[in-house]
Amino acid sequence: MKKQRGFTLIELMIVVVIVAVLVSIALPSYQAQARASNRAAAQGDLQNCALAMQRHFTEKGTFIGADGNNAPITSRATPTIFPAQSPVDSANKLYNIFITEANGSTFTLEAVPISGTMQASDGLLRLSSSGARGWDRDNSGDVDSAAENCWRKHC
């Protein structure tokens, strides 16, 4: 008789289980790293939007009008002086960029995760003209604690 070579069903199932365990360990880590990378891109885009706001101020002498209207901004408005979504250089948009406050001498910007994307539960990012930064880590809808007054994971 000739001895057959190959894998038994048990051996194949053991390999499948090992691969499944490795994927279940690696996937959450990969997703967390991807969210952090996307967040960093949005932070950079917020800083570039702030630079556009400063250019607007240099040209006009006020932050009013950065949304195309000639009135102070007191709630979320879409900027016309900078792209309204982030990452700016990608077709896969993950954040909407808003001017949430703008008057003659100050402004506040926010990057709000777009629902249905991997960033949806990551919380909004905030940047003000004074340089103050915030990240809504608990995704409550606002930067509402001292621990959220920076962009780093641990402040």
N, C-alpha and C. Protein backbone atom coordinates (compact mmCIF):
# COMPACT_ATOMS: atom_id res chain seq x y z
N MET A 1 0.82 -1.20 0.00
CA MET A 1 0.00 0.00 0.00
C MET A 1 0.86 1.25 0.00
N LYS A 2 0.36 2.22 -0.69
CA LYS A 2 1.04 3.50 -0.76
C LYS A 2 0.53 4.41 0.34
N LYS A 3 1.43 5.07 1.07
CA LYS A 3 1.04 5.97 2.15
C LYS A 3 0.66 7.33 1.56
N GLN A 4 -0.50 7.84 1.92
CA GLN A 4 -0.94 9.13 1.41
C GLN A 4 -0.32 10.26 2.21
N ARG A 5 -0.06 11.33 1.52
CA ARG A 5 0.50 12.51 2.17
C ARG A 5 -0.51 13.64 2.09
N GLY A 6 -0.45 14.54 3.05
CA GLY A 6 -1.35 15.68 3.07
C GLY A 6 -1.72 16.05 4.49
N PHE A 7 -2.65 16.96 4.60
CA PHE A 7 -3.08 17.44 5.91
C PHE A 7 -4.39 16.77 6.28
N THR A 8 -4.53 16.48 7.53
CA THR A 8 -5.81 15.97 8.00
C THR A 8 -6.72 17.16 8.30
N LEU A 9 -7.97 16.89 8.43
CA LEU A 9 -8.93 17.96 8.74
C LEU A 9 -8.61 18.60 10.09
N ILE A 10 -8.18 17.80 11.05
CA ILE A 10 -7.83 18.33 12.38
C ILE A 10 -6.65 19.30 12.26
N GLU A 11 -5.64 18.91 11.52
CA GLU A 11 -4.47 19.80 11.35
C GLU A 11 -4.88 21.11 10.68
N LEU A 12 -5.71 21.02 9.67
CA LEU A 12 -6.18 22.22 8.98
C LEU A 12 -6.99 23.12 9.91
N MET A 13 -7.85 22.54 10.73
CA MET A 13 -8.66 23.32 11.67
C MET A 13 -7.77 23.98 12.74
N ILE A 14 -6.71 23.32 13.16
CA ILE A 14 -5.79 23.92 14.13
C ILE A 14 -5.12 25.15 13.52
N VAL A 15 -4.71 25.06 12.26
CA VAL A 15 -4.10 26.21 11.58
C VAL A 15 -5.11 27.35 11.47
N VAL A 16 -6.34 27.05 11.13
CA VAL A 16 -7.37 28.08 11.02
C VAL A 16 -7.59 28.77 12.36
N VAL A 17 -7.63 28.02 13.44
CA VAL A 17 -7.82 28.59 14.77
C VAL A 17 -6.64 29.49 15.13
N ILE A 18 -5.43 29.06 14.85
CA ILE A 18 -4.24 29.87 15.15
C ILE A 18 -4.27 31.18 14.37
N VAL A 19 -4.62 31.12 13.09
CA VAL A 19 -4.71 32.34 12.28
C VAL A 19 -5.80 33.25 12.82
N ALA A 20 -6.93 32.71 13.21
CA ALA A 20 -8.03 33.52 13.75
C ALA A 20 -7.61 34.22 15.04
N VAL A 21 -6.88 33.54 15.90
CA VAL A 21 -6.40 34.14 17.15
C VAL A 21 -5.43 35.28 16.84
N LEU A 22 -4.51 35.05 15.92
CA LEU A 22 -3.55 36.10 15.55
C LEU A 22 -4.25 37.33 14.97
N VAL A 23 -5.25 37.11 14.12
CA VAL A 23 -6.00 38.23 13.54
C VAL A 23 -6.77 38.98 14.62
N SER A 24 -7.38 38.24 15.55
CA SER A 24 -8.16 38.91 16.61
C SER A 24 -7.27 39.74 17.52
N ILE A 25 -6.01 39.40 17.61
CA ILE A 25 -5.07 40.19 18.41
C ILE A 25 -4.54 41.38 17.62
N ALA A 26 -4.21 41.16 16.35
CA ALA A 26 -3.56 42.19 15.54
C ALA A 26 -4.54 43.24 15.01
N LEU A 27 -5.76 42.86 14.68
CA LEU A 27 -6.70 43.80 14.05
C LEU A 27 -7.03 45.01 14.93
N PRO A 28 -7.37 44.86 16.20
CA PRO A 28 -7.65 46.04 17.02
C PRO A 28 -6.44 46.98 17.12
N SER A 29 -5.26 46.42 17.20
CA SER A 29 -4.05 47.24 17.27
C SER A 29 -3.86 48.01 15.97
N TYR A 30 -4.09 47.35 14.85
CA TYR A 30 -3.98 48.02 13.55
C TYR A 30 -5.01 49.14 13.44
N GLN A 31 -6.25 48.86 13.84
CA GLN A 31 -7.30 49.87 13.75
C GLN A 31 -6.99 51.08 14.63
N ALA A 32 -6.48 50.84 15.83
CA ALA A 32 -6.11 51.95 16.72
C ALA A 32 -5.00 52.79 16.10
N GLN A 33 -4.03 52.14 15.48
CA GLN A 33 -2.94 52.87 14.83
C GLN A 33 -3.45 53.67 13.64
N ALA A 34 -4.36 53.09 12.87
CA ALA A 34 -4.93 53.80 11.72
C ALA A 34 -5.74 55.01 12.19
N ARG A 35 -6.52 54.87 13.27
CA ARG A 35 -7.28 56.02 13.80
C ARG A 35 -6.33 57.12 14.27
N ALA A 36 -5.23 56.74 14.94
CA ALA A 36 -4.26 57.73 15.40
C ALA A 36 -3.61 58.45 14.22
N SER A 37 -3.32 57.73 13.17
CA SER A 37 -2.73 58.32 11.97
C SER A 37 -3.71 59.29 11.30
N ASN A 38 -4.97 58.89 11.21
CA ASN A 38 -5.99 59.77 10.62
C ASN A 38 -6.21 61.00 11.49
N ARG A 39 -6.16 60.83 12.80
CA ARG A 39 -6.30 61.96 13.72
C ARG A 39 -5.15 62.95 13.53
N ALA A 40 -3.94 62.43 13.36
CA ALA A 40 -2.77 63.29 13.14
C ALA A 40 -2.91 64.07 11.84
N ALA A 41 -3.46 63.44 10.81
CA ALA A 41 -3.69 64.15 9.55
C ALA A 41 -4.70 65.29 9.75
N ALA A 42 -5.75 65.03 10.51
CA ALA A 42 -6.75 66.08 10.79
C ALA A 42 -6.14 67.21 11.62
N GLN A 43 -5.27 66.86 12.56
CA GLN A 43 -4.61 67.90 13.36
C GLN A 43 -3.75 68.79 12.46
N GLY A 44 -3.04 68.18 11.54
CA GLY A 44 -2.24 68.96 10.59
C GLY A 44 -3.11 69.85 9.72
N ASP A 45 -4.24 69.31 9.27
CA ASP A 45 -5.15 70.11 8.45
C ASP A 45 -5.76 71.26 9.25
N LEU A 46 -6.05 71.03 10.54
CA LEU A 46 -6.54 72.13 11.38
C LEU A 46 -5.49 73.22 11.51
N GLN A 47 -4.23 72.84 11.68
CA GLN A 47 -3.16 73.82 11.77
C GLN A 47 -3.01 74.59 10.46
N ASN A 48 -3.16 73.89 9.33
CA ASN A 48 -3.09 74.58 8.04
C ASN A 48 -4.29 75.51 7.84
N CYS A 49 -5.45 75.10 8.33
CA CYS A 49 -6.62 75.99 8.27
C CYS A 49 -6.39 77.23 9.14
N ALA A 50 -5.75 77.03 10.30
CA ALA A 50 -5.43 78.18 11.16
C ALA A 50 -4.47 79.13 10.45
N LEU A 51 -3.53 78.59 9.69
CA LEU A 51 -2.63 79.45 8.90
C LEU A 51 -3.42 80.22 7.84
N ALA A 52 -4.39 79.55 7.22
CA ALA A 52 -5.25 80.24 6.24
C ALA A 52 -6.06 81.34 6.93
N MET A 53 -6.51 81.08 8.15
CA MET A 53 -7.22 82.12 8.91
C MET A 53 -6.30 83.31 9.19
N GLN A 54 -5.06 83.03 9.53
CA GLN A 54 -4.10 84.12 9.79
C GLN A 54 -3.82 84.92 8.52
N ARG A 55 -3.72 84.23 7.37
CA ARG A 55 -3.55 84.95 6.09
C ARG A 55 -4.76 85.83 5.82
N HIS A 56 -5.96 85.27 6.08
CA HIS A 56 -7.19 86.05 5.90
C HIS A 56 -7.16 87.30 6.79
N PHE A 57 -6.72 87.13 8.03
CA PHE A 57 -6.63 88.26 8.96
C PHE A 57 -5.63 89.30 8.45
N THR A 58 -4.51 88.84 7.91
CA THR A 58 -3.50 89.75 7.39
C THR A 58 -4.06 90.57 6.22
N GLU A 59 -4.84 89.93 5.37
CA GLU A 59 -5.41 90.61 4.21
C GLU A 59 -6.59 91.52 4.58
N LYS A 60 -7.45 91.07 5.49
CA LYS A 60 -8.71 91.77 5.78
C LYS A 60 -8.71 92.53 7.10
N GLY A 61 -7.78 92.20 8.00
CA GLY A 61 -7.75 92.85 9.30
C GLY A 61 -8.77 92.29 10.28
N THR A 62 -9.40 91.15 9.92
CA THR A 62 -10.40 90.52 10.76
C THR A 62 -10.52 89.05 10.38
N PHE A 63 -11.03 88.23 11.30
CA PHE A 63 -11.30 86.83 10.98
C PHE A 63 -12.70 86.67 10.40
N ILE A 64 -13.53 87.71 10.49
CA ILE A 64 -14.87 87.68 9.92
C ILE A 64 -14.76 87.55 8.41
N GLY A 65 -15.60 86.73 7.83
CA GLY A 65 -15.61 86.56 6.39
C GLY A 65 -14.89 85.30 5.91
N ALA A 66 -14.28 84.55 6.80
CA ALA A 66 -13.56 83.34 6.40
C ALA A 66 -14.52 82.24 5.93
N ASP A 67 -15.80 82.42 6.19
CA ASP A 67 -16.81 81.48 5.72
C ASP A 67 -17.58 82.02 4.52
N GLY A 68 -17.15 83.15 3.99
CA GLY A 68 -17.82 83.74 2.84
C GLY A 68 -18.92 84.71 3.21
N ASN A 69 -19.26 84.81 4.48
CA ASN A 69 -20.27 85.77 4.95
C ASN A 69 -19.56 86.92 5.63
N ASN A 70 -20.24 88.02 5.75
CA ASN A 70 -19.63 89.19 6.37
C ASN A 70 -20.22 89.44 7.76
N ALA A 71 -20.26 88.39 8.57
CA ALA A 71 -20.81 88.51 9.92
C ALA A 71 -19.99 87.62 10.85
N PRO A 72 -19.92 87.99 12.13
CA PRO A 72 -19.20 87.12 13.08
C PRO A 72 -19.81 85.71 13.08
N ILE A 73 -18.96 84.72 13.29
CA ILE A 73 -19.40 83.32 13.32
C ILE A 73 -19.59 82.93 14.78
N THR A 74 -20.75 82.40 15.10
CA THR A 74 -21.03 81.97 16.47
C THR A 74 -21.41 80.50 16.55
N SER A 75 -21.57 79.83 15.42
CA SER A 75 -21.84 78.39 15.40
C SER A 75 -21.10 77.81 14.19
N ARG A 76 -21.16 76.52 14.02
CA ARG A 76 -20.38 75.87 12.97
C ARG A 76 -20.67 76.42 11.59
N ALA A 77 -19.60 76.88 10.95
CA ALA A 77 -19.68 77.38 9.59
C ALA A 77 -18.57 76.73 8.77
N THR A 78 -18.85 76.50 7.51
CA THR A 78 -17.87 75.88 6.63
C THR A 78 -16.91 76.95 6.10
N PRO A 79 -15.61 76.72 6.23
CA PRO A 79 -14.66 77.71 5.72
C PRO A 79 -14.66 77.75 4.20
N THR A 80 -14.49 78.93 3.65
CA THR A 80 -14.32 79.07 2.20
C THR A 80 -12.86 79.34 1.85
N ILE A 81 -12.04 79.58 2.85
CA ILE A 81 -10.63 79.89 2.61
C ILE A 81 -9.74 78.65 2.73
N PHE A 82 -10.33 77.50 3.04
CA PHE A 82 -9.59 76.26 3.23
C PHE A 82 -10.54 75.10 2.93
N PRO A 83 -10.03 73.94 2.44
CA PRO A 83 -10.92 72.80 2.20
C PRO A 83 -11.71 72.43 3.45
N ALA A 84 -12.95 72.04 3.24
CA ALA A 84 -13.87 71.78 4.35
C ALA A 84 -13.81 70.36 4.88
N GLN A 85 -12.97 69.51 4.29
CA GLN A 85 -12.87 68.14 4.78
C GLN A 85 -11.41 67.70 4.86
N SER A 86 -11.18 66.73 5.76
CA SER A 86 -9.84 66.22 6.00
C SER A 86 -9.87 64.71 5.93
N PRO A 87 -8.80 64.09 5.50
CA PRO A 87 -7.53 64.63 5.03
C PRO A 87 -7.68 65.34 3.68
N VAL A 88 -7.05 66.48 3.59
CA VAL A 88 -7.15 67.33 2.41
C VAL A 88 -6.62 66.60 1.17
N ASP A 89 -5.55 65.85 1.34
CA ASP A 89 -4.89 65.21 0.19
C ASP A 89 -5.35 63.77 -0.07
N SER A 90 -6.54 63.41 0.38
CA SER A 90 -7.06 62.05 0.19
C SER A 90 -8.50 62.11 -0.30
N ALA A 91 -8.87 61.14 -1.09
CA ALA A 91 -10.27 61.05 -1.54
C ALA A 91 -11.17 60.50 -0.44
N ASN A 92 -10.59 59.82 0.54
CA ASN A 92 -11.35 59.23 1.64
C ASN A 92 -11.43 60.23 2.79
N LYS A 93 -12.46 61.05 2.82
CA LYS A 93 -12.61 62.10 3.82
C LYS A 93 -13.15 61.52 5.13
N LEU A 94 -12.52 61.91 6.25
CA LEU A 94 -12.86 61.36 7.55
C LEU A 94 -13.34 62.41 8.55
N TYR A 95 -13.04 63.67 8.30
CA TYR A 95 -13.42 64.77 9.20
C TYR A 95 -14.00 65.92 8.38
N ASN A 96 -14.99 66.60 8.95
CA ASN A 96 -15.47 67.88 8.42
C ASN A 96 -14.78 68.98 9.23
N ILE A 97 -14.29 69.99 8.54
CA ILE A 97 -13.64 71.12 9.22
C ILE A 97 -14.62 72.28 9.29
N PHE A 98 -14.74 72.84 10.48
CA PHE A 98 -15.66 73.96 10.71
C PHE A 98 -14.95 75.10 11.42
N ILE A 99 -15.42 76.30 11.15
CA ILE A 99 -15.09 77.46 11.98
C ILE A 99 -16.25 77.57 12.95
N THR A 100 -15.98 77.44 14.25
CA THR A 100 -17.08 77.48 15.22
C THR A 100 -17.22 78.85 15.87
N GLU A 101 -16.19 79.66 15.73
CA GLU A 101 -16.24 81.03 16.25
C GLU A 101 -15.24 81.87 15.46
N ALA A 102 -15.65 83.04 15.07
CA ALA A 102 -14.73 83.98 14.43
C ALA A 102 -15.30 85.38 14.59
N ASN A 103 -14.45 86.25 15.11
CA ASN A 103 -14.84 87.65 15.23
C ASN A 103 -13.67 88.49 14.73
N GLY A 104 -13.57 89.70 15.17
CA GLY A 104 -12.50 90.57 14.70
C GLY A 104 -11.11 90.13 15.10
N SER A 105 -10.98 89.44 16.24
CA SER A 105 -9.63 89.16 16.73
C SER A 105 -9.36 87.71 17.14
N THR A 106 -10.37 86.84 17.18
CA THR A 106 -10.15 85.44 17.58
C THR A 106 -10.96 84.49 16.69
N PHE A 107 -10.53 83.24 16.71
CA PHE A 107 -11.29 82.20 16.00
C PHE A 107 -11.11 80.87 16.72
N THR A 108 -12.02 79.95 16.45
CA THR A 108 -11.93 78.57 16.92
C THR A 108 -12.31 77.67 15.75
N LEU A 109 -11.51 76.62 15.56
CA LEU A 109 -11.76 75.65 14.49
C LEU A 109 -12.04 74.29 15.11
N GLU A 110 -12.81 73.48 14.40
CA GLU A 110 -13.07 72.10 14.84
C GLU A 110 -12.99 71.16 13.65
N ALA A 111 -12.47 69.98 13.91
CA ALA A 111 -12.52 68.87 12.95
C ALA A 111 -13.43 67.83 13.58
N VAL A 112 -14.57 67.59 12.94
CA VAL A 112 -15.59 66.69 13.48
C VAL A 112 -15.59 65.41 12.64
N PRO A 113 -15.43 64.24 13.29
CA PRO A 113 -15.43 62.98 12.53
C PRO A 113 -16.74 62.80 11.76
N ILE A 114 -16.61 62.30 10.55
CA ILE A 114 -17.77 62.02 9.71
C ILE A 114 -18.36 60.68 10.15
N SER A 115 -19.67 60.66 10.39
CA SER A 115 -20.30 59.41 10.83
C SER A 115 -20.20 58.36 9.72
N GLY A 116 -20.08 57.12 10.14
CA GLY A 116 -19.96 56.03 9.19
C GLY A 116 -18.53 55.73 8.77
N THR A 117 -17.57 56.51 9.28
CA THR A 117 -16.17 56.25 8.99
C THR A 117 -15.50 55.64 10.21
N MET A 118 -14.28 55.17 10.04
CA MET A 118 -13.57 54.57 11.18
C MET A 118 -13.26 55.59 12.26
N GLN A 119 -13.33 56.89 11.95
CA GLN A 119 -13.05 57.93 12.93
C GLN A 119 -14.30 58.35 13.71
N ALA A 120 -15.45 57.83 13.36
CA ALA A 120 -16.72 58.29 13.92
C ALA A 120 -16.75 58.32 15.45
N SER A 121 -16.10 57.40 16.09
CA SER A 121 -16.12 57.35 17.56
C SER A 121 -14.87 57.96 18.19
N ASP A 122 -14.08 58.66 17.40
CA ASP A 122 -12.80 59.17 17.88
C ASP A 122 -12.91 60.53 18.56
N GLY A 123 -13.99 61.24 18.39
CA GLY A 123 -14.15 62.54 19.04
C GLY A 123 -13.60 63.68 18.21
N LEU A 124 -14.18 64.85 18.41
CA LEU A 124 -13.77 66.02 17.63
C LEU A 124 -12.44 66.59 18.11
N LEU A 125 -11.81 67.36 17.23
CA LEU A 125 -10.57 68.07 17.53
C LEU A 125 -10.85 69.55 17.48
N ARG A 126 -10.21 70.33 18.33
CA ARG A 126 -10.44 71.77 18.39
C ARG A 126 -9.11 72.50 18.42
N LEU A 127 -9.07 73.66 17.75
CA LEU A 127 -7.89 74.53 17.75
C LEU A 127 -8.37 75.97 17.76
N SER A 128 -7.82 76.78 18.66
CA SER A 128 -8.22 78.18 18.73
C SER A 128 -7.08 79.08 18.28
N SER A 129 -7.39 80.33 18.05
CA SER A 129 -6.39 81.30 17.61
C SER A 129 -5.31 81.52 18.66
N SER A 130 -5.60 81.22 19.91
CA SER A 130 -4.60 81.35 20.98
C SER A 130 -3.63 80.17 21.01
N GLY A 131 -3.92 79.14 20.19
CA GLY A 131 -3.09 77.95 20.17
C GLY A 131 -3.61 76.84 21.06
N ALA A 132 -4.69 77.09 21.79
CA ALA A 132 -5.27 76.07 22.66
C ALA A 132 -5.82 74.93 21.81
N ARG A 133 -5.52 73.71 22.24
CA ARG A 133 -5.93 72.52 21.50
C ARG A 133 -6.80 71.64 22.39
N GLY A 134 -7.72 70.94 21.77
CA GLY A 134 -8.56 70.01 22.52
C GLY A 134 -8.94 68.82 21.68
N TRP A 135 -9.13 67.69 22.34
CA TRP A 135 -9.56 66.46 21.68
C TRP A 135 -10.60 65.80 22.57
N ASP A 136 -11.78 65.61 22.06
CA ASP A 136 -12.90 65.01 22.79
C ASP A 136 -12.72 63.49 22.85
N ARG A 137 -11.82 63.05 23.73
CA ARG A 137 -11.47 61.62 23.82
C ARG A 137 -12.66 60.72 24.14
N ASP A 138 -13.57 61.20 24.99
CA ASP A 138 -14.71 60.36 25.39
C ASP A 138 -15.88 60.48 24.42
N ASN A 139 -15.70 61.23 23.33
CA ASN A 139 -16.70 61.38 22.28
C ASN A 139 -18.05 61.87 22.83
N SER A 140 -17.99 62.81 23.78
CA SER A 140 -19.20 63.35 24.38
C SER A 140 -19.79 64.50 23.56
N GLY A 141 -19.05 64.97 22.56
CA GLY A 141 -19.53 66.07 21.73
C GLY A 141 -18.89 67.40 22.06
N ASP A 142 -18.05 67.44 23.12
CA ASP A 142 -17.39 68.68 23.50
C ASP A 142 -16.09 68.36 24.25
N VAL A 143 -15.17 69.29 24.19
CA VAL A 143 -13.94 69.19 24.97
C VAL A 143 -14.28 69.73 26.35
N ASP A 144 -14.59 68.82 27.28
CA ASP A 144 -15.21 69.24 28.53
C ASP A 144 -14.44 68.88 29.79
N SER A 145 -13.18 68.49 29.67
CA SER A 145 -12.41 68.22 30.88
C SER A 145 -10.97 68.67 30.67
N ALA A 146 -10.26 68.86 31.75
CA ALA A 146 -8.87 69.29 31.66
C ALA A 146 -8.03 68.25 30.92
N ALA A 147 -8.37 66.98 31.05
CA ALA A 147 -7.62 65.92 30.38
C ALA A 147 -7.80 65.97 28.86
N GLU A 148 -8.83 66.67 28.39
CA GLU A 148 -9.09 66.75 26.95
C GLU A 148 -8.52 68.02 26.34
N ASN A 149 -7.78 68.80 27.10
CA ASN A 149 -7.24 70.07 26.59
C ASN A 149 -5.87 69.92 25.94
N CYS A 150 -5.69 68.87 25.19
CA CYS A 150 -4.49 68.70 24.38
C CYS A 150 -4.80 67.66 23.31
N TRP A 151 -3.88 67.46 22.39
CA TRP A 151 -4.08 66.52 21.32
C TRP A 151 -3.39 65.18 21.55
N ARG A 152 -2.61 65.08 22.59
CA ARG A 152 -1.91 63.82 22.86
C ARG A 152 -2.83 62.83 23.55
N LYS A 153 -2.48 61.56 23.46
CA LYS A 153 -3.30 60.52 24.07
C LYS A 153 -3.32 60.64 25.59
N HIS A 154 -2.18 60.99 26.18
CA HIS A 154 -2.09 61.17 27.63
C HIS A 154 -1.54 62.56 27.91
N CYS A 155 -2.33 63.40 28.55
CA CYS A 155 -1.89 64.77 28.86
C CYS A 155 -1.50 64.89 30.31
